[in-house]
Amino acid sequence: MITTAFFAANACLSALLVPFGVEHPGGSTQTGFLLSALGVGFLLGAPLGRLLVDHVGLRHLLVAGHIATAGAFLLLFNAPSLVAGALVGVFGSTTLIAPRTALQRITPNAVLGQVSAVFFTAEAVATLGGAVIGPVVAQVTSLRGTRNAASGVTLAVGVLGHVLLPSGTVGRSWEHPRRADDESGGRAAGRAGRPGVR
C-alpha cells in the first residue's frame, strides 16, 4: 500500500513537470533540461538504492526516501534548477528500487513469481493512474494546488511508512534464510545420493 501510493504520487508529480515548464520562463527548452537532469539522477540513484538496501533497514530507507523525494519536488517546483531535477531523480530512483530489491530477497522462491506479478501490476496501475489523474486534477483545480497536494501525499506516505513498516533487518541479511534453506536442501540431496550416508 505504501509503495503503491508513492508510485501514484511520484507519477503525478512527474507528469506535472511538463505543464509546469510551459508556464515558466524557458518553456520547452527549460523543461527538456529539467527532464534530462531528472533522468541522469534516476540512473545514478538506481545502483545507490541497491547499495543502501544492503546496509540500511528498509523502513528507514523508504521513510527517508519518501521525505527526500517530496522535498526535492517542492524545491524543483519552487526554485527550478538542474540540481533540483537531479535530486528528484536520485531520491525517487532509490525509493523505487529499494522495495523491489527487498521483495526479491525476502520472498521464497516457490511464490516469488506470483508475488512479483501482483507487486508489479499494482505498481503499473498506480503509475498509470497517477500520470493520468494528476494533469486532469490540475486542469480542474490548479497546477500549484495539485503539485503541492501530490508532494504532501509523498511526504505523508513517508510518515505512514515510519508507523507501519517493521524496523530491523537490513538488506543482505534477508537473503540468508532462503540461502540457508537452499544450501541445507542441497546438502541433504547430496547425502541422499551417497550410499551409506545418513
N, C-alpha and C. Protein backbone atom coordinates (compact mmCIF):
# COMPACT_ATOMS: atom_id res chain seq x y z
N MET A 1 0.83 -1.21 0.00
CA MET A 1 0.00 0.00 0.00
C MET A 1 0.86 1.26 0.00
N ILE A 2 1.90 1.25 0.84
CA ILE A 2 2.77 2.42 0.95
C ILE A 2 3.51 2.67 -0.35
N THR A 3 4.07 1.61 -0.91
CA THR A 3 4.80 1.75 -2.17
C THR A 3 3.87 2.13 -3.31
N THR A 4 2.67 1.56 -3.33
CA THR A 4 1.71 1.88 -4.38
C THR A 4 1.32 3.35 -4.34
N ALA A 5 1.08 3.88 -3.14
CA ALA A 5 0.74 5.29 -3.00
C ALA A 5 1.89 6.18 -3.46
N PHE A 6 3.12 5.75 -3.17
CA PHE A 6 4.27 6.53 -3.61
C PHE A 6 4.38 6.53 -5.13
N PHE A 7 4.16 5.38 -5.75
CA PHE A 7 4.21 5.30 -7.21
C PHE A 7 3.20 6.26 -7.84
N ALA A 8 1.99 6.29 -7.29
CA ALA A 8 0.95 7.16 -7.84
C ALA A 8 1.32 8.63 -7.68
N ALA A 9 1.77 9.02 -6.49
CA ALA A 9 2.14 10.41 -6.25
C ALA A 9 3.35 10.82 -7.08
N ASN A 10 4.32 9.92 -7.21
CA ASN A 10 5.52 10.22 -7.98
C ASN A 10 5.20 10.39 -9.46
N ALA A 11 4.32 9.52 -9.98
CA ALA A 11 3.91 9.62 -11.39
C ALA A 11 3.13 10.91 -11.63
N CYS A 12 2.29 11.28 -10.68
CA CYS A 12 1.52 12.53 -10.77
C CYS A 12 2.46 13.73 -10.84
N LEU A 13 3.43 13.78 -9.95
CA LEU A 13 4.38 14.89 -9.92
C LEU A 13 5.22 14.94 -11.19
N SER A 14 5.65 13.79 -11.66
CA SER A 14 6.45 13.74 -12.89
C SER A 14 5.65 14.24 -14.09
N ALA A 15 4.36 13.86 -14.15
CA ALA A 15 3.51 14.30 -15.26
C ALA A 15 3.26 15.80 -15.23
N LEU A 16 3.31 16.40 -14.04
CA LEU A 16 3.06 17.83 -13.90
C LEU A 16 4.28 18.68 -14.28
N LEU A 17 5.42 18.04 -14.50
CA LEU A 17 6.62 18.79 -14.86
C LEU A 17 6.46 19.51 -16.20
N VAL A 18 5.78 18.86 -17.15
CA VAL A 18 5.63 19.47 -18.49
C VAL A 18 4.77 20.72 -18.44
N PRO A 19 3.54 20.66 -17.92
CA PRO A 19 2.77 21.91 -17.83
C PRO A 19 3.43 22.96 -16.93
N PHE A 20 4.15 22.51 -15.93
CA PHE A 20 4.88 23.45 -15.08
C PHE A 20 5.95 24.18 -15.89
N GLY A 21 6.67 23.45 -16.72
CA GLY A 21 7.71 24.06 -17.53
C GLY A 21 7.15 25.04 -18.55
N VAL A 22 5.98 24.73 -19.09
CA VAL A 22 5.36 25.62 -20.08
C VAL A 22 4.96 26.94 -19.45
N GLU A 23 4.56 26.90 -18.19
CA GLU A 23 4.10 28.11 -17.50
C GLU A 23 5.24 29.05 -17.11
N HIS A 24 6.47 28.55 -17.08
CA HIS A 24 7.57 29.34 -16.55
C HIS A 24 8.56 29.72 -17.65
N PRO A 25 9.36 30.74 -17.40
CA PRO A 25 10.34 31.19 -18.39
C PRO A 25 11.26 30.05 -18.81
N GLY A 26 11.53 29.99 -20.09
CA GLY A 26 12.35 28.91 -20.62
C GLY A 26 11.53 27.92 -21.41
N GLY A 27 10.26 27.79 -21.05
CA GLY A 27 9.33 26.94 -21.79
C GLY A 27 9.83 25.53 -21.99
N SER A 28 9.68 25.03 -23.22
CA SER A 28 10.01 23.64 -23.53
C SER A 28 11.51 23.36 -23.38
N THR A 29 12.35 24.36 -23.65
CA THR A 29 13.80 24.15 -23.51
C THR A 29 14.17 23.88 -22.06
N GLN A 30 13.66 24.73 -21.16
CA GLN A 30 13.93 24.54 -19.74
C GLN A 30 13.38 23.21 -19.26
N THR A 31 12.19 22.85 -19.73
CA THR A 31 11.59 21.57 -19.34
C THR A 31 12.45 20.41 -19.80
N GLY A 32 12.99 20.51 -21.01
CA GLY A 32 13.87 19.46 -21.52
C GLY A 32 15.11 19.28 -20.66
N PHE A 33 15.70 20.40 -20.24
CA PHE A 33 16.88 20.31 -19.38
C PHE A 33 16.52 19.68 -18.03
N LEU A 34 15.37 20.08 -17.47
CA LEU A 34 14.96 19.53 -16.18
C LEU A 34 14.72 18.02 -16.27
N LEU A 35 14.06 17.60 -17.35
CA LEU A 35 13.79 16.16 -17.52
C LEU A 35 15.09 15.39 -17.74
N SER A 36 16.03 16.00 -18.43
CA SER A 36 17.33 15.35 -18.63
C SER A 36 18.05 15.19 -17.29
N ALA A 37 18.02 16.24 -16.48
CA ALA A 37 18.65 16.17 -15.16
C ALA A 37 17.97 15.11 -14.30
N LEU A 38 16.65 15.02 -14.40
CA LEU A 38 15.92 14.00 -13.64
C LEU A 38 16.34 12.61 -14.10
N GLY A 39 16.50 12.42 -15.42
CA GLY A 39 16.93 11.13 -15.94
C GLY A 39 18.32 10.74 -15.48
N VAL A 40 19.24 11.71 -15.48
CA VAL A 40 20.60 11.44 -15.00
C VAL A 40 20.56 11.05 -13.53
N GLY A 41 19.78 11.80 -12.75
CA GLY A 41 19.65 11.47 -11.33
C GLY A 41 19.07 10.09 -11.11
N PHE A 42 18.12 9.71 -11.95
CA PHE A 42 17.49 8.39 -11.83
C PHE A 42 18.52 7.30 -12.08
N LEU A 43 19.36 7.49 -13.08
CA LEU A 43 20.39 6.50 -13.39
C LEU A 43 21.40 6.38 -12.24
N LEU A 44 21.74 7.51 -11.64
CA LEU A 44 22.68 7.50 -10.52
C LEU A 44 22.06 6.86 -9.27
N GLY A 45 20.76 7.06 -9.10
CA GLY A 45 20.09 6.56 -7.90
C GLY A 45 19.84 5.06 -7.91
N ALA A 46 19.78 4.45 -9.10
CA ALA A 46 19.48 3.01 -9.19
C ALA A 46 20.54 2.16 -8.47
N PRO A 47 21.82 2.29 -8.80
CA PRO A 47 22.82 1.50 -8.03
C PRO A 47 22.92 1.93 -6.58
N LEU A 48 22.66 3.23 -6.32
CA LEU A 48 22.70 3.71 -4.94
C LEU A 48 21.62 3.03 -4.11
N GLY A 49 20.45 2.82 -4.70
CA GLY A 49 19.37 2.15 -3.98
C GLY A 49 19.73 0.74 -3.57
N ARG A 50 20.36 0.00 -4.48
CA ARG A 50 20.77 -1.37 -4.15
C ARG A 50 21.86 -1.37 -3.08
N LEU A 51 22.75 -0.39 -3.16
CA LEU A 51 23.82 -0.31 -2.15
C LEU A 51 23.24 -0.01 -0.77
N LEU A 52 22.32 0.94 -0.71
CA LEU A 52 21.74 1.34 0.57
C LEU A 52 20.88 0.25 1.18
N VAL A 53 20.16 -0.49 0.35
CA VAL A 53 19.29 -1.53 0.90
C VAL A 53 20.12 -2.66 1.50
N ASP A 54 21.41 -2.74 1.13
CA ASP A 54 22.29 -3.73 1.72
C ASP A 54 22.78 -3.33 3.11
N HIS A 55 22.71 -2.05 3.42
CA HIS A 55 23.31 -1.57 4.67
C HIS A 55 22.33 -0.83 5.58
N VAL A 56 21.15 -0.49 5.08
CA VAL A 56 20.19 0.29 5.87
C VAL A 56 18.88 -0.48 5.94
N GLY A 57 18.20 -0.42 7.06
CA GLY A 57 16.90 -1.05 7.18
C GLY A 57 15.92 -0.50 6.16
N LEU A 58 15.09 -1.37 5.59
CA LEU A 58 14.14 -0.94 4.55
C LEU A 58 13.23 0.17 5.06
N ARG A 59 12.81 0.05 6.29
CA ARG A 59 11.91 1.06 6.86
C ARG A 59 12.57 2.44 6.84
N HIS A 60 13.79 2.53 7.33
CA HIS A 60 14.47 3.82 7.38
C HIS A 60 14.76 4.35 5.97
N LEU A 61 15.11 3.44 5.07
CA LEU A 61 15.43 3.85 3.71
C LEU A 61 14.19 4.39 2.99
N LEU A 62 13.05 3.70 3.13
CA LEU A 62 11.83 4.16 2.47
C LEU A 62 11.32 5.47 3.07
N VAL A 63 11.35 5.56 4.38
CA VAL A 63 10.87 6.79 5.03
C VAL A 63 11.73 7.98 4.59
N ALA A 64 13.04 7.81 4.65
CA ALA A 64 13.94 8.89 4.23
C ALA A 64 13.78 9.18 2.75
N GLY A 65 13.59 8.14 1.94
CA GLY A 65 13.43 8.34 0.50
C GLY A 65 12.16 9.09 0.15
N HIS A 66 11.06 8.74 0.80
CA HIS A 66 9.79 9.43 0.55
C HIS A 66 9.88 10.91 0.92
N ILE A 67 10.42 11.17 2.10
CA ILE A 67 10.53 12.55 2.56
C ILE A 67 11.48 13.34 1.67
N ALA A 68 12.61 12.74 1.31
CA ALA A 68 13.58 13.43 0.46
C ALA A 68 13.01 13.68 -0.93
N THR A 69 12.25 12.73 -1.48
CA THR A 69 11.66 12.92 -2.80
C THR A 69 10.63 14.05 -2.77
N ALA A 70 9.80 14.06 -1.73
CA ALA A 70 8.82 15.15 -1.60
C ALA A 70 9.53 16.50 -1.50
N GLY A 71 10.58 16.57 -0.69
CA GLY A 71 11.32 17.82 -0.55
C GLY A 71 11.98 18.25 -1.85
N ALA A 72 12.52 17.27 -2.61
CA ALA A 72 13.16 17.59 -3.89
C ALA A 72 12.15 18.11 -4.91
N PHE A 73 10.96 17.53 -4.92
CA PHE A 73 9.92 18.02 -5.83
C PHE A 73 9.49 19.44 -5.45
N LEU A 74 9.31 19.68 -4.16
CA LEU A 74 8.96 21.03 -3.72
C LEU A 74 10.04 22.04 -4.11
N LEU A 75 11.31 21.64 -3.96
CA LEU A 75 12.41 22.50 -4.36
C LEU A 75 12.38 22.75 -5.87
N LEU A 76 12.11 21.70 -6.62
CA LEU A 76 12.08 21.82 -8.08
C LEU A 76 10.97 22.75 -8.54
N PHE A 77 9.80 22.64 -7.92
CA PHE A 77 8.66 23.45 -8.35
C PHE A 77 8.76 24.90 -7.87
N ASN A 78 9.44 25.12 -6.77
CA ASN A 78 9.52 26.47 -6.23
C ASN A 78 10.80 27.19 -6.59
N ALA A 79 11.86 26.43 -6.88
CA ALA A 79 13.13 27.04 -7.31
C ALA A 79 13.74 26.13 -8.36
N PRO A 80 13.19 26.13 -9.58
CA PRO A 80 13.63 25.20 -10.62
C PRO A 80 15.13 25.32 -10.91
N SER A 81 15.79 24.17 -10.95
CA SER A 81 17.21 24.12 -11.28
C SER A 81 17.55 22.70 -11.68
N LEU A 82 18.68 22.57 -12.37
CA LEU A 82 19.13 21.24 -12.78
C LEU A 82 19.48 20.39 -11.57
N VAL A 83 20.01 21.02 -10.54
CA VAL A 83 20.36 20.28 -9.31
C VAL A 83 19.10 19.70 -8.67
N ALA A 84 18.04 20.51 -8.61
CA ALA A 84 16.78 20.02 -8.04
C ALA A 84 16.23 18.86 -8.86
N GLY A 85 16.32 18.97 -10.19
CA GLY A 85 15.86 17.88 -11.05
C GLY A 85 16.64 16.60 -10.81
N ALA A 86 17.97 16.74 -10.68
CA ALA A 86 18.80 15.57 -10.43
C ALA A 86 18.49 14.94 -9.07
N LEU A 87 18.24 15.77 -8.07
CA LEU A 87 17.90 15.26 -6.74
C LEU A 87 16.59 14.47 -6.76
N VAL A 88 15.62 14.97 -7.52
CA VAL A 88 14.36 14.23 -7.67
C VAL A 88 14.64 12.84 -8.24
N GLY A 89 15.49 12.79 -9.27
CA GLY A 89 15.82 11.51 -9.88
C GLY A 89 16.53 10.56 -8.94
N VAL A 90 17.51 11.09 -8.21
CA VAL A 90 18.29 10.24 -7.29
C VAL A 90 17.41 9.69 -6.18
N PHE A 91 16.67 10.58 -5.50
CA PHE A 91 15.84 10.14 -4.38
C PHE A 91 14.70 9.25 -4.85
N GLY A 92 14.07 9.64 -5.96
CA GLY A 92 12.96 8.85 -6.47
C GLY A 92 13.39 7.46 -6.90
N SER A 93 14.52 7.37 -7.61
CA SER A 93 15.03 6.08 -8.06
C SER A 93 15.38 5.18 -6.88
N THR A 94 16.06 5.75 -5.89
CA THR A 94 16.44 4.97 -4.71
C THR A 94 15.20 4.41 -4.01
N THR A 95 14.16 5.23 -3.91
CA THR A 95 12.95 4.80 -3.23
C THR A 95 12.17 3.77 -4.04
N LEU A 96 12.28 3.82 -5.36
CA LEU A 96 11.60 2.85 -6.20
C LEU A 96 12.33 1.50 -6.23
N ILE A 97 13.66 1.56 -6.22
CA ILE A 97 14.46 0.33 -6.31
C ILE A 97 14.44 -0.47 -5.02
N ALA A 98 14.42 0.21 -3.88
CA ALA A 98 14.55 -0.46 -2.59
C ALA A 98 13.49 -1.54 -2.35
N PRO A 99 12.19 -1.25 -2.51
CA PRO A 99 11.21 -2.31 -2.23
C PRO A 99 11.29 -3.46 -3.23
N ARG A 100 11.67 -3.16 -4.49
CA ARG A 100 11.82 -4.24 -5.47
C ARG A 100 12.94 -5.19 -5.06
N THR A 101 14.05 -4.61 -4.64
CA THR A 101 15.19 -5.43 -4.22
C THR A 101 14.83 -6.26 -2.99
N ALA A 102 14.19 -5.62 -2.01
CA ALA A 102 13.80 -6.34 -0.79
C ALA A 102 12.81 -7.44 -1.09
N LEU A 103 11.87 -7.18 -1.99
CA LEU A 103 10.86 -8.17 -2.35
C LEU A 103 11.50 -9.44 -2.88
N GLN A 104 12.49 -9.28 -3.75
CA GLN A 104 13.14 -10.44 -4.34
C GLN A 104 13.98 -11.21 -3.34
N ARG A 105 14.43 -10.52 -2.30
CA ARG A 105 15.31 -11.17 -1.33
C ARG A 105 14.55 -11.89 -0.23
N ILE A 106 13.39 -11.39 0.14
CA ILE A 106 12.69 -11.98 1.27
C ILE A 106 11.59 -12.95 0.86
N THR A 107 11.21 -12.97 -0.42
CA THR A 107 10.13 -13.83 -0.87
C THR A 107 10.67 -15.21 -1.22
N PRO A 108 10.07 -16.28 -0.68
CA PRO A 108 10.52 -17.63 -1.03
C PRO A 108 10.44 -17.88 -2.53
N ASN A 109 11.37 -18.66 -3.04
CA ASN A 109 11.42 -18.93 -4.48
C ASN A 109 10.12 -19.51 -5.01
N ALA A 110 9.44 -20.31 -4.18
CA ALA A 110 8.24 -21.01 -4.64
C ALA A 110 7.12 -20.05 -5.03
N VAL A 111 7.07 -18.88 -4.38
CA VAL A 111 5.98 -17.94 -4.67
C VAL A 111 6.49 -16.60 -5.20
N LEU A 112 7.78 -16.55 -5.51
CA LEU A 112 8.35 -15.27 -5.96
C LEU A 112 7.67 -14.76 -7.22
N GLY A 113 7.37 -15.65 -8.15
CA GLY A 113 6.74 -15.24 -9.40
C GLY A 113 5.37 -14.62 -9.18
N GLN A 114 4.54 -15.28 -8.35
CA GLN A 114 3.19 -14.76 -8.10
C GLN A 114 3.22 -13.44 -7.35
N VAL A 115 4.08 -13.36 -6.32
CA VAL A 115 4.16 -12.14 -5.52
C VAL A 115 4.69 -10.98 -6.38
N SER A 116 5.70 -11.25 -7.20
CA SER A 116 6.24 -10.22 -8.07
C SER A 116 5.20 -9.73 -9.07
N ALA A 117 4.39 -10.66 -9.59
CA ALA A 117 3.36 -10.29 -10.56
C ALA A 117 2.35 -9.33 -9.93
N VAL A 118 1.94 -9.64 -8.70
CA VAL A 118 0.99 -8.76 -8.01
C VAL A 118 1.62 -7.40 -7.73
N PHE A 119 2.86 -7.40 -7.28
CA PHE A 119 3.55 -6.15 -6.95
C PHE A 119 3.71 -5.27 -8.18
N PHE A 120 4.21 -5.85 -9.27
CA PHE A 120 4.48 -5.05 -10.46
C PHE A 120 3.18 -4.61 -11.16
N THR A 121 2.13 -5.41 -11.02
CA THR A 121 0.84 -4.98 -11.57
C THR A 121 0.31 -3.78 -10.80
N ALA A 122 0.38 -3.85 -9.46
CA ALA A 122 -0.05 -2.72 -8.64
C ALA A 122 0.80 -1.48 -8.94
N GLU A 123 2.09 -1.69 -9.14
CA GLU A 123 2.99 -0.58 -9.48
C GLU A 123 2.58 0.07 -10.80
N ALA A 124 2.29 -0.76 -11.82
CA ALA A 124 1.92 -0.23 -13.13
C ALA A 124 0.59 0.52 -13.08
N VAL A 125 -0.38 -0.05 -12.37
CA VAL A 125 -1.69 0.60 -12.25
C VAL A 125 -1.58 1.93 -11.52
N ALA A 126 -0.81 1.95 -10.42
CA ALA A 126 -0.63 3.18 -9.65
C ALA A 126 0.09 4.24 -10.47
N THR A 127 1.12 3.83 -11.21
CA THR A 127 1.87 4.78 -12.04
C THR A 127 0.99 5.37 -13.13
N LEU A 128 0.23 4.51 -13.82
CA LEU A 128 -0.66 4.99 -14.87
C LEU A 128 -1.74 5.90 -14.29
N GLY A 129 -2.31 5.49 -13.16
CA GLY A 129 -3.35 6.30 -12.54
C GLY A 129 -2.85 7.67 -12.13
N GLY A 130 -1.67 7.71 -11.50
CA GLY A 130 -1.11 8.99 -11.09
C GLY A 130 -0.79 9.89 -12.27
N ALA A 131 -0.24 9.30 -13.34
CA ALA A 131 0.13 10.09 -14.52
C ALA A 131 -1.09 10.65 -15.23
N VAL A 132 -2.21 9.94 -15.16
CA VAL A 132 -3.43 10.41 -15.83
C VAL A 132 -4.22 11.38 -14.94
N ILE A 133 -4.36 11.02 -13.68
CA ILE A 133 -5.20 11.81 -12.78
C ILE A 133 -4.56 13.15 -12.45
N GLY A 134 -3.24 13.18 -12.30
CA GLY A 134 -2.56 14.42 -11.94
C GLY A 134 -2.85 15.59 -12.86
N PRO A 135 -2.60 15.47 -14.16
CA PRO A 135 -2.91 16.57 -15.08
C PRO A 135 -4.39 16.92 -15.15
N VAL A 136 -5.26 15.90 -15.02
CA VAL A 136 -6.70 16.18 -15.06
C VAL A 136 -7.12 17.03 -13.86
N VAL A 137 -6.65 16.64 -12.68
CA VAL A 137 -6.97 17.41 -11.47
C VAL A 137 -6.38 18.82 -11.56
N ALA A 138 -5.19 18.93 -12.15
CA ALA A 138 -4.55 20.24 -12.30
C ALA A 138 -5.37 21.15 -13.20
N GLN A 139 -5.99 20.60 -14.23
CA GLN A 139 -6.84 21.41 -15.11
C GLN A 139 -8.12 21.84 -14.43
N VAL A 140 -8.67 20.94 -13.61
CA VAL A 140 -9.94 21.25 -12.94
C VAL A 140 -9.71 22.23 -11.79
N THR A 141 -8.62 22.07 -11.06
CA THR A 141 -8.35 22.94 -9.91
C THR A 141 -7.25 23.93 -10.27
N SER A 142 -6.03 23.63 -9.86
CA SER A 142 -4.88 24.48 -10.22
C SER A 142 -3.62 23.65 -10.21
N LEU A 143 -2.67 24.05 -11.02
CA LEU A 143 -1.41 23.32 -11.10
C LEU A 143 -0.66 23.38 -9.78
N ARG A 144 -0.61 24.56 -9.18
CA ARG A 144 0.10 24.73 -7.91
C ARG A 144 -0.52 23.87 -6.82
N GLY A 145 -1.85 23.91 -6.71
CA GLY A 145 -2.52 23.13 -5.67
C GLY A 145 -2.32 21.63 -5.86
N THR A 146 -2.36 21.17 -7.11
CA THR A 146 -2.21 19.74 -7.38
C THR A 146 -0.81 19.26 -7.05
N ARG A 147 0.20 20.02 -7.47
CA ARG A 147 1.57 19.58 -7.19
C ARG A 147 1.89 19.64 -5.71
N ASN A 148 1.35 20.63 -5.00
CA ASN A 148 1.56 20.69 -3.55
C ASN A 148 0.86 19.53 -2.85
N ALA A 149 -0.34 19.18 -3.34
CA ALA A 149 -1.08 18.07 -2.76
C ALA A 149 -0.35 16.75 -2.99
N ALA A 150 0.17 16.57 -4.21
CA ALA A 150 0.90 15.33 -4.51
C ALA A 150 2.20 15.25 -3.70
N SER A 151 2.86 16.38 -3.53
CA SER A 151 4.07 16.39 -2.68
C SER A 151 3.70 16.06 -1.25
N GLY A 152 2.56 16.58 -0.79
CA GLY A 152 2.08 16.28 0.56
C GLY A 152 1.77 14.80 0.73
N VAL A 153 1.19 14.18 -0.32
CA VAL A 153 0.90 12.75 -0.26
C VAL A 153 2.20 11.95 -0.14
N THR A 154 3.21 12.36 -0.91
CA THR A 154 4.50 11.68 -0.85
C THR A 154 5.10 11.79 0.55
N LEU A 155 5.01 12.96 1.13
CA LEU A 155 5.51 13.17 2.49
C LEU A 155 4.72 12.35 3.50
N ALA A 156 3.39 12.33 3.34
CA ALA A 156 2.54 11.57 4.26
C ALA A 156 2.81 10.07 4.17
N VAL A 157 3.12 9.59 2.96
CA VAL A 157 3.45 8.17 2.78
C VAL A 157 4.71 7.83 3.57
N GLY A 158 5.68 8.74 3.58
CA GLY A 158 6.88 8.52 4.36
C GLY A 158 6.58 8.41 5.85
N VAL A 159 5.74 9.30 6.35
CA VAL A 159 5.37 9.26 7.76
C VAL A 159 4.60 7.98 8.07
N LEU A 160 3.69 7.59 7.17
CA LEU A 160 2.92 6.37 7.35
C LEU A 160 3.83 5.14 7.36
N GLY A 161 4.84 5.17 6.50
CA GLY A 161 5.78 4.06 6.48
C GLY A 161 6.54 3.92 7.78
N HIS A 162 6.86 5.04 8.39
CA HIS A 162 7.56 5.01 9.68
C HIS A 162 6.70 4.35 10.75
N VAL A 163 5.39 4.51 10.63
CA VAL A 163 4.48 3.95 11.63
C VAL A 163 4.20 2.47 11.36
N LEU A 164 4.00 2.11 10.07
CA LEU A 164 3.52 0.78 9.74
C LEU A 164 4.61 -0.24 9.46
N LEU A 165 5.72 0.19 8.88
CA LEU A 165 6.74 -0.77 8.49
C LEU A 165 7.52 -1.26 9.70
N PRO A 166 7.84 -2.56 9.72
CA PRO A 166 8.65 -3.07 10.84
C PRO A 166 10.09 -2.59 10.72
N SER A 167 10.70 -2.38 11.84
CA SER A 167 12.11 -1.97 11.84
C SER A 167 12.97 -3.21 11.96
N GLY A 168 14.26 -3.01 11.77
CA GLY A 168 15.16 -4.14 11.96
C GLY A 168 15.93 -4.48 10.72
N THR A 169 15.78 -5.73 10.33
CA THR A 169 16.62 -6.37 9.33
C THR A 169 17.11 -5.48 8.21
N VAL A 170 18.34 -5.70 7.81
CA VAL A 170 18.93 -4.95 6.71
C VAL A 170 19.10 -5.85 5.51
N GLY A 171 19.39 -5.23 4.40
CA GLY A 171 19.42 -5.85 3.09
C GLY A 171 19.89 -7.28 3.00
N ARG A 172 21.21 -7.52 3.06
CA ARG A 172 21.71 -8.84 2.74
C ARG A 172 21.34 -9.89 3.77
N SER A 173 21.01 -9.47 4.98
CA SER A 173 20.61 -10.46 5.98
C SER A 173 19.31 -11.13 5.59
N TRP A 174 18.51 -10.45 4.73
CA TRP A 174 17.26 -11.07 4.29
C TRP A 174 17.53 -12.25 3.37
N GLU A 175 18.70 -12.27 2.74
CA GLU A 175 18.99 -13.35 1.82
C GLU A 175 19.33 -14.64 2.57
N HIS A 176 19.79 -14.49 3.81
CA HIS A 176 20.34 -15.64 4.50
C HIS A 176 19.36 -16.78 4.71
N PRO A 177 18.11 -16.51 5.18
CA PRO A 177 17.21 -17.64 5.42
C PRO A 177 16.98 -18.46 4.16
N ARG A 178 16.71 -17.78 3.02
CA ARG A 178 16.44 -18.51 1.81
C ARG A 178 17.69 -19.25 1.33
N ARG A 179 18.85 -18.57 1.43
CA ARG A 179 20.09 -19.19 1.02
C ARG A 179 20.39 -20.40 1.90
N ALA A 180 20.14 -20.25 3.21
CA ALA A 180 20.39 -21.36 4.14
C ALA A 180 19.50 -22.55 3.79
N ASP A 181 18.21 -22.26 3.45
CA ASP A 181 17.31 -23.35 3.08
C ASP A 181 17.81 -24.05 1.83
N ASP A 182 18.25 -23.25 0.83
CA ASP A 182 18.74 -23.84 -0.42
C ASP A 182 19.97 -24.70 -0.17
N GLU A 183 20.90 -24.16 0.68
CA GLU A 183 22.13 -24.89 0.94
C GLU A 183 21.86 -26.17 1.72
N SER A 184 20.96 -26.07 2.73
CA SER A 184 20.64 -27.27 3.50
C SER A 184 19.95 -28.31 2.64
N GLY A 185 19.10 -27.82 1.72
CA GLY A 185 18.44 -28.74 0.79
C GLY A 185 19.44 -29.41 -0.12
N GLY A 186 20.45 -28.63 -0.56
CA GLY A 186 21.48 -29.20 -1.43
C GLY A 186 22.31 -30.23 -0.70
N ARG A 187 22.65 -29.94 0.58
CA ARG A 187 23.44 -30.89 1.36
C ARG A 187 22.65 -32.18 1.59
N ALA A 188 21.35 -32.01 1.86
CA ALA A 188 20.52 -33.19 2.10
C ALA A 188 20.44 -34.05 0.84
N ALA A 189 20.30 -33.37 -0.32
CA ALA A 189 20.24 -34.12 -1.57
C ALA A 189 21.55 -34.84 -1.84
N GLY A 190 22.66 -34.17 -1.49
CA GLY A 190 23.96 -34.78 -1.69
C GLY A 190 24.15 -36.01 -0.82
N ARG A 191 23.71 -35.91 0.43
CA ARG A 191 23.83 -37.06 1.33
C ARG A 191 22.95 -38.21 0.86
N ALA A 192 21.76 -37.84 0.36
CA ALA A 192 20.86 -38.90 -0.09
C ALA A 192 21.43 -39.64 -1.31
N GLY A 193 22.24 -38.91 -2.09
CA GLY A 193 22.78 -39.55 -3.29
C GLY A 193 24.01 -40.39 -3.01
N ARG A 194 24.56 -40.34 -1.79
CA ARG A 194 25.74 -41.11 -1.46
C ARG A 194 25.35 -42.36 -0.66
N PRO A 195 25.70 -43.53 -1.11
CA PRO A 195 25.32 -44.75 -0.39
C PRO A 195 25.94 -44.78 1.01
N GLY A 196 25.17 -45.17 1.95
CA GLY A 196 25.68 -45.35 3.31
C GLY A 196 25.80 -44.07 4.11
N VAL A 197 25.40 -42.93 3.50
CA VAL A 197 25.49 -41.67 4.21
C VAL A 197 24.12 -41.31 4.74
N ARG A 198 24.01 -41.03 6.02
CA ARG A 198 22.73 -40.72 6.64
C ARG A 198 22.73 -39.27 7.08
